[in-house]
Amino acid sequence: MNLIVDQGNTATKLALFDKGGNLHIKKVFAKEEVDLVEKWVKERSNELEAVLVSSVTNDHINLPIAKRIDLDENTPIPIQNGYETPHTLGKDRLANATAIWKKNPNKNSLAIDIGTCIKYDLVNNKGVYLGGNISPGMKMRYAALQSFTDQLPLIDAEDFEFGFGVSTKTSIQNGVQHAIFHEINGFIQRYQEQFGELTIFMTGGDLKYFDKGYKNPIFAHSDLTIFGLNEILKYNVEF
């Protein structure tokens, strides 16, 4: 089994994949629960063959596995990285780019990751990661309206029909969530005009609010990032 450790600013995600690339188990621990992470891994150490650690914090985790890869800009990947500053590239963006190439080889693809930030990442039909865009995520937009004004309240996201606001709450919801929807549609249209045929993948913690209603087919994949990390691990380790 392969182990993926995705260590973020607030949580650590663990995922177990078999040799065929099938996801078997996914667990989430709070960032500070390092002892629980180490205990969970130790209990399964006999079945683990290799691990890839993708960390934005670089907090040390003791993992009793011989084949360990710590993902950085020097780690070999199964696509060509055309980003001009690879040392600044987010590991989740690199993983998403790898994932969409593996799921859709030899075609132009766009990954849209809707989380704290909204990230757009393009891979062309030659397997070259071209780069993309980063914009504020939904919660960041809601928080900014409350933080930078005197009167506007902090609003929570909700599922609702497209229309226009008839109260301050619904005006903010329409302004924030509809703007994201139209932003996504706008980028899709722009890149289709530039690249022609384009396959679109969508992932991220706020995926559920934005995975419907587009003119173009969308492949929603909640585990796209960890799938990409496992593909990078497979590329580096022979079993």
C-alpha atoms as a PDB file:
ATOM      1  CA  MET A   1       0.000   0.000   0.000  1.00  0.00           C
ATOM      2  CA  ASN A   2       1.044   3.592  -0.632  1.00  0.00           C
ATOM      3  CA  LEU A   3       0.584   6.210   2.072  1.00  0.00           C
ATOM      4  CA  ILE A   4      -0.034   9.859   1.224  1.00  0.00           C
ATOM      5  CA  VAL A   5       0.457  12.440   3.982  1.00  0.00           C
ATOM      6  CA  ASP A   6      -0.948  15.835   3.035  1.00  0.00           C
ATOM      7  CA  GLN A   7       0.047  18.186   5.850  1.00  0.00           C
ATOM      8  CA  GLY A   8      -1.788  21.507   5.699  1.00  0.00           C
ATOM      9  CA  ASN A   9      -2.040  24.568   7.892  1.00  0.00           C
ATOM     10  CA  THR A  10      -5.069  23.313   9.821  1.00  0.00           C
ATOM     11  CA  ALA A  11      -5.246  19.567   9.196  1.00  0.00           C
ATOM     12  CA  THR A  12      -3.255  16.517   8.137  1.00  0.00           C
ATOM     13  CA  LYS A  13      -4.887  14.192   5.614  1.00  0.00           C
ATOM     14  CA  LEU A  14      -3.811  10.562   5.318  1.00  0.00           C
ATOM     15  CA  ALA A  15      -4.727   8.349   2.390  1.00  0.00           C
ATOM     16  CA  LEU A  16      -3.957   4.707   1.608  1.00  0.00           C
ATOM     17  CA  PHE A  17      -3.780   3.562  -2.034  1.00  0.00           C
ATOM     18  CA  ASP A  18      -3.240   0.064  -3.374  1.00  0.00           C
ATOM     19  CA  LYS A  19      -0.773  -0.675  -6.187  1.00  0.00           C
ATOM     20  CA  GLY A  20      -3.532  -0.166  -8.734  1.00  0.00           C
ATOM     21  CA  GLY A  21      -4.072   3.402  -7.575  1.00  0.00           C
ATOM     22  CA  ASN A  22      -7.371   2.727  -5.808  1.00  0.00           C
ATOM     23  CA  LEU A  23      -8.108   4.772  -2.682  1.00  0.00           C
ATOM     24  CA  HIS A  24      -8.854   2.510   0.302  1.00  0.00           C
ATOM     25  CA  ILE A  25      -8.841   4.736   3.376  1.00  0.00           C
ATOM     26  CA  LYS A  26      -8.827   8.475   3.981  1.00  0.00           C
ATOM     27  CA  LYS A  27      -8.388  10.001   7.442  1.00  0.00           C
ATOM     28  CA  VAL A  28      -8.186  13.601   8.630  1.00  0.00           C
ATOM     29  CA  PHE A  29      -6.458  14.758  11.810  1.00  0.00           C
ATOM     30  CA  ALA A  30      -6.077  18.225  13.281  1.00  0.00           C
ATOM     31  CA  LYS A  31      -2.677  19.790  12.674  1.00  0.00           C
ATOM     32  CA  GLU A  32      -1.649  19.437  16.334  1.00  0.00           C
ATOM     33  CA  GLU A  33      -2.597  15.721  16.513  1.00  0.00           C
ATOM     34  CA  VAL A  34       0.838  14.545  15.379  1.00  0.00           C
ATOM     35  CA  ASP A  35       0.879  11.769  17.976  1.00  0.00           C
ATOM     36  CA  LEU A  36      -2.404  10.372  16.633  1.00  0.00           C
ATOM     37  CA  VAL A  37      -1.072  10.501  13.072  1.00  0.00           C
ATOM     38  CA  GLU A  38       2.083   8.630  14.081  1.00  0.00           C
ATOM     39  CA  LYS A  39       0.019   6.052  16.029  1.00  0.00           C
ATOM     40  CA  TRP A  40      -2.343   5.509  13.075  1.00  0.00           C
ATOM     41  CA  VAL A  41       0.570   4.981  10.682  1.00  0.00           C
ATOM     42  CA  LYS A  42       2.484   2.721  13.096  1.00  0.00           C
ATOM     43  CA  GLU A  43      -0.548   0.427  13.449  1.00  0.00           C
ATOM     44  CA  ARG A  44      -0.478  -0.096   9.675  1.00  0.00           C
ATOM     45  CA  SER A  45       3.269  -0.030   9.081  1.00  0.00           C
ATOM     46  CA  ASN A  46       3.445  -3.712   8.096  1.00  0.00           C
ATOM     47  CA  GLU A  47       1.257  -3.142   5.034  1.00  0.00           C
ATOM     48  CA  LEU A  48       2.884   0.123   3.932  1.00  0.00           C
ATOM     49  CA  GLU A  49       5.536   0.068   1.212  1.00  0.00           C
ATOM     50  CA  ALA A  50       6.136   3.759   0.479  1.00  0.00           C
ATOM     51  CA  VAL A  51       5.035   7.191   1.649  1.00  0.00           C
ATOM     52  CA  LEU A  52       4.929  10.631   0.086  1.00  0.00           C
ATOM     53  CA  VAL A  53       4.742  13.636   2.401  1.00  0.00           C
ATOM     54  CA  SER A  54       3.387  16.885   1.019  1.00  0.00           C
ATOM     55  CA  SER A  55       3.677  19.590   3.669  1.00  0.00           C
ATOM     56  CA  VAL A  56       3.149  23.339   3.747  1.00  0.00           C
ATOM     57  CA  THR A  57       4.355  23.507   7.359  1.00  0.00           C
ATOM     58  CA  ASN A  58       7.353  21.140   7.300  1.00  0.00           C
ATOM     59  CA  ASP A  59       6.469  19.982  10.822  1.00  0.00           C
ATOM     60  CA  HIS A  60       8.251  16.678  11.388  1.00  0.00           C
ATOM     61  CA  ILE A  61       6.205  13.492  11.496  1.00  0.00           C
ATOM     62  CA  ASN A  62       7.936  10.247  12.439  1.00  0.00           C
ATOM     63  CA  LEU A  63       6.903   7.625   9.885  1.00  0.00           C
ATOM     64  CA  PRO A  64       8.361   4.084  10.206  1.00  0.00           C
ATOM     65  CA  ILE A  65       8.483   3.480   6.448  1.00  0.00           C
ATOM     66  CA  ALA A  66      11.740   2.926   4.558  1.00  0.00           C
ATOM     67  CA  LYS A  67      10.669   4.424   1.233  1.00  0.00           C
ATOM     68  CA  ARG A  68       9.812   8.031   2.040  1.00  0.00           C
ATOM     69  CA  ILE A  69       9.619  10.981  -0.364  1.00  0.00           C
ATOM     70  CA  ASP A  70       9.188  14.554   0.838  1.00  0.00           C
ATOM     71  CA  LEU A  71       7.682  16.471  -2.052  1.00  0.00           C
ATOM     72  CA  ASP A  72       9.524  19.615  -3.138  1.00  0.00           C
ATOM     73  CA  GLU A  73      10.418  21.413  -6.374  1.00  0.00           C
ATOM     74  CA  ASN A  74      13.201  18.884  -7.075  1.00  0.00           C
ATOM     75  CA  THR A  75      10.990  15.796  -6.852  1.00  0.00           C
ATOM     76  CA  PRO A  76      10.596  14.089 -10.263  1.00  0.00           C
ATOM     77  CA  ILE A  77       7.033  14.269 -11.580  1.00  0.00           C
ATOM     78  CA  PRO A  78       5.281  12.593 -14.536  1.00  0.00           C
ATOM     79  CA  ILE A  79       4.610  15.920 -16.282  1.00  0.00           C
ATOM     80  CA  GLN A  80       6.849  18.751 -17.458  1.00  0.00           C
ATOM     81  CA  ASN A  81       6.744  21.755 -15.140  1.00  0.00           C
ATOM     82  CA  GLY A  82       6.653  24.958 -17.173  1.00  0.00           C
ATOM     83  CA  TYR A  83       6.138  27.232 -14.161  1.00  0.00           C
ATOM     84  CA  GLU A  84       8.731  30.017 -14.074  1.00  0.00           C
ATOM     85  CA  THR A  85       9.149  29.883 -10.274  1.00  0.00           C
ATOM     86  CA  PRO A  86       8.778  26.191  -9.319  1.00  0.00           C
ATOM     87  CA  HIS A  87      10.082  26.852  -5.786  1.00  0.00           C
ATOM     88  CA  THR A  88       6.997  29.033  -5.146  1.00  0.00           C
ATOM     89  CA  LEU A  89       4.468  26.649  -6.683  1.00  0.00           C
ATOM     90  CA  GLY A  90       1.956  25.182  -4.241  1.00  0.00           C
ATOM     91  CA  LYS A  91       2.248  21.427  -3.866  1.00  0.00           C
ATOM     92  CA  ASP A  92      -1.514  21.053  -4.151  1.00  0.00           C
ATOM     93  CA  ARG A  93      -1.439  22.821  -7.519  1.00  0.00           C
ATOM     94  CA  LEU A  94       1.337  20.530  -8.741  1.00  0.00           C
ATOM     95  CA  ALA A  95      -0.612  17.497  -7.517  1.00  0.00           C
ATOM     96  CA  ASN A  96      -3.801  18.666  -9.267  1.00  0.00           C
ATOM     97  CA  ALA A  97      -1.882  19.201 -12.513  1.00  0.00           C
ATOM     98  CA  THR A  98      -0.428  15.698 -12.261  1.00  0.00           C
ATOM     99  CA  ALA A  99      -3.854  14.228 -11.515  1.00  0.00           C
ATOM    100  CA  ILE A 100      -5.627  15.743 -14.513  1.00  0.00           C
ATOM    101  CA  TRP A 101      -2.852  14.607 -16.862  1.00  0.00           C
ATOM    102  CA  LYS A 102      -3.073  11.055 -15.545  1.00  0.00           C
ATOM    103  CA  LYS A 103      -6.863  11.063 -15.780  1.00  0.00           C
ATOM    104  CA  ASN A 104      -6.928  12.731 -19.177  1.00  0.00           C
ATOM    105  CA  PRO A 105      -3.604  12.073 -20.969  1.00  0.00           C
ATOM    106  CA  ASN A 106      -2.710  13.765 -24.243  1.00  0.00           C
ATOM    107  CA  LYS A 107      -5.508  16.334 -23.942  1.00  0.00           C
ATOM    108  CA  ASN A 108      -5.786  19.901 -22.709  1.00  0.00           C
ATOM    109  CA  SER A 109      -7.152  19.967 -19.149  1.00  0.00           C
ATOM    110  CA  LEU A 110      -8.051  22.533 -16.512  1.00  0.00           C
ATOM    111  CA  ALA A 111      -8.174  21.854 -12.755  1.00  0.00           C
ATOM    112  CA  ILE A 112     -10.309  24.190 -10.613  1.00  0.00           C
ATOM    113  CA  ASP A 113      -9.688  23.824  -6.872  1.00  0.00           C
ATOM    114  CA  ILE A 114     -12.254  25.722  -4.775  1.00  0.00           C
ATOM    115  CA  GLY A 115     -10.991  26.099  -1.218  1.00  0.00           C
ATOM    116  CA  THR A 116      -9.376  28.838   0.863  1.00  0.00           C
ATOM    117  CA  CYS A 117      -8.257  30.203  -2.490  1.00  0.00           C
ATOM    118  CA  ILE A 118      -9.620  29.308  -5.912  1.00  0.00           C
ATOM    119  CA  LYS A 119      -6.856  27.851  -8.031  1.00  0.00           C
ATOM    120  CA  TYR A 120      -6.945  27.275 -11.779  1.00  0.00           C
ATOM    121  CA  ASP A 121      -4.237  25.042 -13.266  1.00  0.00           C
ATOM    122  CA  LEU A 122      -3.701  24.172 -16.917  1.00  0.00           C
ATOM    123  CA  VAL A 123      -1.966  21.167 -18.494  1.00  0.00           C
ATOM    124  CA  ASN A 124      -1.698  21.018 -22.270  1.00  0.00           C
ATOM    125  CA  ASN A 125      -1.961  18.002 -24.543  1.00  0.00           C
ATOM    126  CA  LYS A 126       1.807  17.514 -24.466  1.00  0.00           C
ATOM    127  CA  GLY A 127       1.868  17.024 -20.695  1.00  0.00           C
ATOM    128  CA  VAL A 128       3.258  20.463 -19.872  1.00  0.00           C
ATOM    129  CA  TYR A 129       2.007  22.267 -16.791  1.00  0.00           C
ATOM    130  CA  LEU A 130       1.508  25.845 -17.991  1.00  0.00           C
ATOM    131  CA  GLY A 131       0.445  27.592 -14.782  1.00  0.00           C
ATOM    132  CA  GLY A 132      -2.870  29.214 -13.994  1.00  0.00           C
ATOM    133  CA  ASN A 133      -4.560  31.653 -11.639  1.00  0.00           C
ATOM    134  CA  ILE A 134      -5.220  32.196  -7.936  1.00  0.00           C
ATOM    135  CA  SER A 135      -8.161  34.218  -6.636  1.00  0.00           C
ATOM    136  CA  PRO A 136      -9.760  34.651  -3.193  1.00  0.00           C
ATOM    137  CA  GLY A 137     -11.946  31.774  -2.040  1.00  0.00           C
ATOM    138  CA  MET A 138     -15.533  32.041  -0.877  1.00  0.00           C
ATOM    139  CA  LYS A 139     -14.916  32.357   2.869  1.00  0.00           C
ATOM    140  CA  MET A 140     -12.177  34.910   2.212  1.00  0.00           C
ATOM    141  CA  ARG A 141     -14.608  37.038   0.183  1.00  0.00           C
ATOM    142  CA  TYR A 142     -17.299  36.895   2.847  1.00  0.00           C
ATOM    143  CA  ALA A 143     -14.748  37.799   5.530  1.00  0.00           C
ATOM    144  CA  ALA A 144     -13.353  40.687   3.479  1.00  0.00           C
ATOM    145  CA  LEU A 145     -16.790  42.328   3.132  1.00  0.00           C
ATOM    146  CA  GLN A 146     -17.276  42.198   6.887  1.00  0.00           C
ATOM    147  CA  SER A 147     -13.705  43.217   7.732  1.00  0.00           C
ATOM    148  CA  PHE A 148     -13.350  46.174   5.363  1.00  0.00           C
ATOM    149  CA  THR A 149     -16.742  47.789   5.973  1.00  0.00           C
ATOM    150  CA  ASP A 150     -18.455  49.226   9.031  1.00  0.00           C
ATOM    151  CA  GLN A 151     -21.949  47.874   8.471  1.00  0.00           C
ATOM    152  CA  LEU A 152     -21.875  44.628   6.493  1.00  0.00           C
ATOM    153  CA  PRO A 153     -22.245  41.430   8.553  1.00  0.00           C
ATOM    154  CA  LEU A 154     -20.328  38.180   8.162  1.00  0.00           C
ATOM    155  CA  ILE A 155     -22.545  35.813   6.164  1.00  0.00           C
ATOM    156  CA  ASP A 156     -22.327  32.042   5.845  1.00  0.00           C
ATOM    157  CA  ALA A 157     -22.488  30.291   2.501  1.00  0.00           C
ATOM    158  CA  GLU A 158     -25.736  28.574   1.557  1.00  0.00           C
ATOM    159  CA  ASP A 159     -27.191  26.707  -1.405  1.00  0.00           C
ATOM    160  CA  PHE A 160     -29.732  28.929  -3.115  1.00  0.00           C
ATOM    161  CA  GLU A 161     -31.167  29.686  -6.532  1.00  0.00           C
ATOM    162  CA  PHE A 162     -29.557  32.249  -8.804  1.00  0.00           C
ATOM    163  CA  GLY A 163     -31.285  35.600  -8.720  1.00  0.00           C
ATOM    164  CA  PHE A 164     -30.695  38.877  -6.929  1.00  0.00           C
ATOM    165  CA  GLY A 165     -30.644  39.946  -3.308  1.00  0.00           C
ATOM    166  CA  VAL A 166     -33.768  41.217  -1.569  1.00  0.00           C
ATOM    167  CA  SER A 167     -32.018  41.712   1.787  1.00  0.00           C
ATOM    168  CA  THR A 168     -28.483  42.520   2.906  1.00  0.00           C
ATOM    169  CA  LYS A 169     -27.868  38.825   3.543  1.00  0.00           C
ATOM    170  CA  THR A 170     -29.078  37.637   0.148  1.00  0.00           C
ATOM    171  CA  SER A 171     -27.398  40.572  -1.615  1.00  0.00           C
ATOM    172  CA  ILE A 172     -24.060  39.510  -0.139  1.00  0.00           C
ATOM    173  CA  GLN A 173     -24.683  35.859  -0.952  1.00  0.00           C
ATOM    174  CA  ASN A 174     -25.571  36.705  -4.535  1.00  0.00           C
ATOM    175  CA  GLY A 175     -22.597  39.024  -4.848  1.00  0.00           C
ATOM    176  CA  VAL A 176     -20.096  36.520  -3.474  1.00  0.00           C
ATOM    177  CA  GLN A 177     -21.320  33.170  -4.757  1.00  0.00           C
ATOM    178  CA  HIS A 178     -22.613  34.325  -8.120  1.00  0.00           C
ATOM    179  CA  ALA A 179     -19.390  36.221  -8.724  1.00  0.00           C
ATOM    180  CA  ILE A 180     -17.408  33.019  -8.161  1.00  0.00           C
ATOM    181  CA  PHE A 181     -19.705  31.091 -10.489  1.00  0.00           C
ATOM    182  CA  HIS A 182     -19.323  33.705 -13.231  1.00  0.00           C
ATOM    183  CA  GLU A 183     -15.565  33.900 -12.633  1.00  0.00           C
ATOM    184  CA  ILE A 184     -15.266  30.161 -13.146  1.00  0.00           C
ATOM    185  CA  ASN A 185     -17.405  30.277 -16.292  1.00  0.00           C
ATOM    186  CA  GLY A 186     -15.357  33.184 -17.595  1.00  0.00           C
ATOM    187  CA  PHE A 187     -12.034  31.401 -17.176  1.00  0.00           C
ATOM    188  CA  ILE A 188     -13.430  28.236 -18.761  1.00  0.00           C
ATOM    189  CA  GLN A 189     -14.646  30.205 -21.782  1.00  0.00           C
ATOM    190  CA  ARG A 190     -11.332  32.076 -22.087  1.00  0.00           C
ATOM    191  CA  TYR A 191      -9.240  28.904 -22.049  1.00  0.00           C
ATOM    192  CA  GLN A 192     -11.561  27.100 -24.439  1.00  0.00           C
ATOM    193  CA  GLU A 193     -11.060  29.946 -26.895  1.00  0.00           C
ATOM    194  CA  GLN A 194      -7.298  29.680 -26.399  1.00  0.00           C
ATOM    195  CA  PHE A 195      -6.853  25.892 -26.395  1.00  0.00           C
ATOM    196  CA  GLY A 196      -9.926  24.572 -28.160  1.00  0.00           C
ATOM    197  CA  GLU A 197     -11.084  21.298 -26.647  1.00  0.00           C
ATOM    198  CA  LEU A 198     -10.648  21.444 -22.859  1.00  0.00           C
ATOM    199  CA  THR A 199     -11.510  18.894 -20.165  1.00  0.00           C
ATOM    200  CA  ILE A 200     -12.459  20.463 -16.838  1.00  0.00           C
ATOM    201  CA  PHE A 201     -11.919  18.936 -13.397  1.00  0.00           C
ATOM    202  CA  MET A 202     -13.209  20.511 -10.199  1.00  0.00           C
ATOM    203  CA  THR A 203     -12.237  19.791  -6.586  1.00  0.00           C
ATOM    204  CA  GLY A 204     -11.821  21.472  -3.191  1.00  0.00           C
ATOM    205  CA  GLY A 205     -13.602  21.967   0.113  1.00  0.00           C
ATOM    206  CA  ASP A 206     -16.267  24.281  -1.349  1.00  0.00           C
ATOM    207  CA  LEU A 207     -16.866  22.105  -4.395  1.00  0.00           C
ATOM    208  CA  LYS A 208     -20.466  21.352  -3.348  1.00  0.00           C
ATOM    209  CA  TYR A 209     -21.510  24.969  -3.910  1.00  0.00           C
ATOM    210  CA  PHE A 210     -20.135  25.214  -7.433  1.00  0.00           C
ATOM    211  CA  ASP A 211     -20.277  21.830  -9.159  1.00  0.00           C
ATOM    212  CA  LYS A 212     -23.521  22.413 -11.105  1.00  0.00           C
ATOM    213  CA  GLY A 213     -25.016  24.827 -13.588  1.00  0.00           C
ATOM    214  CA  TYR A 214     -22.189  25.220 -16.094  1.00  0.00           C
ATOM    215  CA  LYS A 215     -22.545  25.190 -19.854  1.00  0.00           C
ATOM    216  CA  ASN A 216     -19.675  22.724 -20.087  1.00  0.00           C
ATOM    217  CA  PRO A 217     -19.368  19.244 -18.571  1.00  0.00           C
ATOM    218  CA  ILE A 218     -17.446  19.229 -15.295  1.00  0.00           C
ATOM    219  CA  PHE A 219     -15.737  16.206 -13.738  1.00  0.00           C
ATOM    220  CA  ALA A 220     -16.097  16.693  -9.980  1.00  0.00           C
ATOM    221  CA  HIS A 221     -13.433  14.819  -7.988  1.00  0.00           C
ATOM    222  CA  SER A 222     -13.211  15.504  -4.258  1.00  0.00           C
ATOM    223  CA  ASP A 223      -9.933  13.539  -3.939  1.00  0.00           C
ATOM    224  CA  LEU A 224      -8.160  14.973  -6.978  1.00  0.00           C
ATOM    225  CA  THR A 225      -5.203  16.362  -4.998  1.00  0.00           C
ATOM    226  CA  ILE A 226      -4.369  13.191  -3.102  1.00  0.00           C
ATOM    227  CA  PHE A 227      -4.829  11.172  -6.288  1.00  0.00           C
ATOM    228  CA  GLY A 228      -2.211  13.400  -7.914  1.00  0.00           C
ATOM    229  CA  LEU A 229       0.130  13.010  -4.953  1.00  0.00           C
ATOM    230  CA  ASN A 230      -0.145   9.239  -5.250  1.00  0.00           C
ATOM    231  CA  GLU A 231       0.689   9.444  -8.959  1.00  0.00           C
ATOM    232  CA  ILE A 232       3.830  11.379  -8.073  1.00  0.00           C
ATOM    233  CA  LEU A 233       4.732   8.723  -5.497  1.00  0.00           C
ATOM    234  CA  LYS A 234       4.179   5.931  -8.019  1.00  0.00           C
ATOM    235  CA  TYR A 235       6.409   7.745 -10.494  1.00  0.00           C
ATOM    236  CA  ASN A 236       9.257   7.836  -7.966  1.00  0.00           C
ATOM    237  CA  VAL A 237       9.036   4.380  -6.418  1.00  0.00           C
ATOM    238  CA  GLU A 238       9.223   0.965  -8.053  1.00  0.00           C
ATOM    239  CA  PHE A 239       7.555  -1.921  -6.258  1.00  0.00           C
END
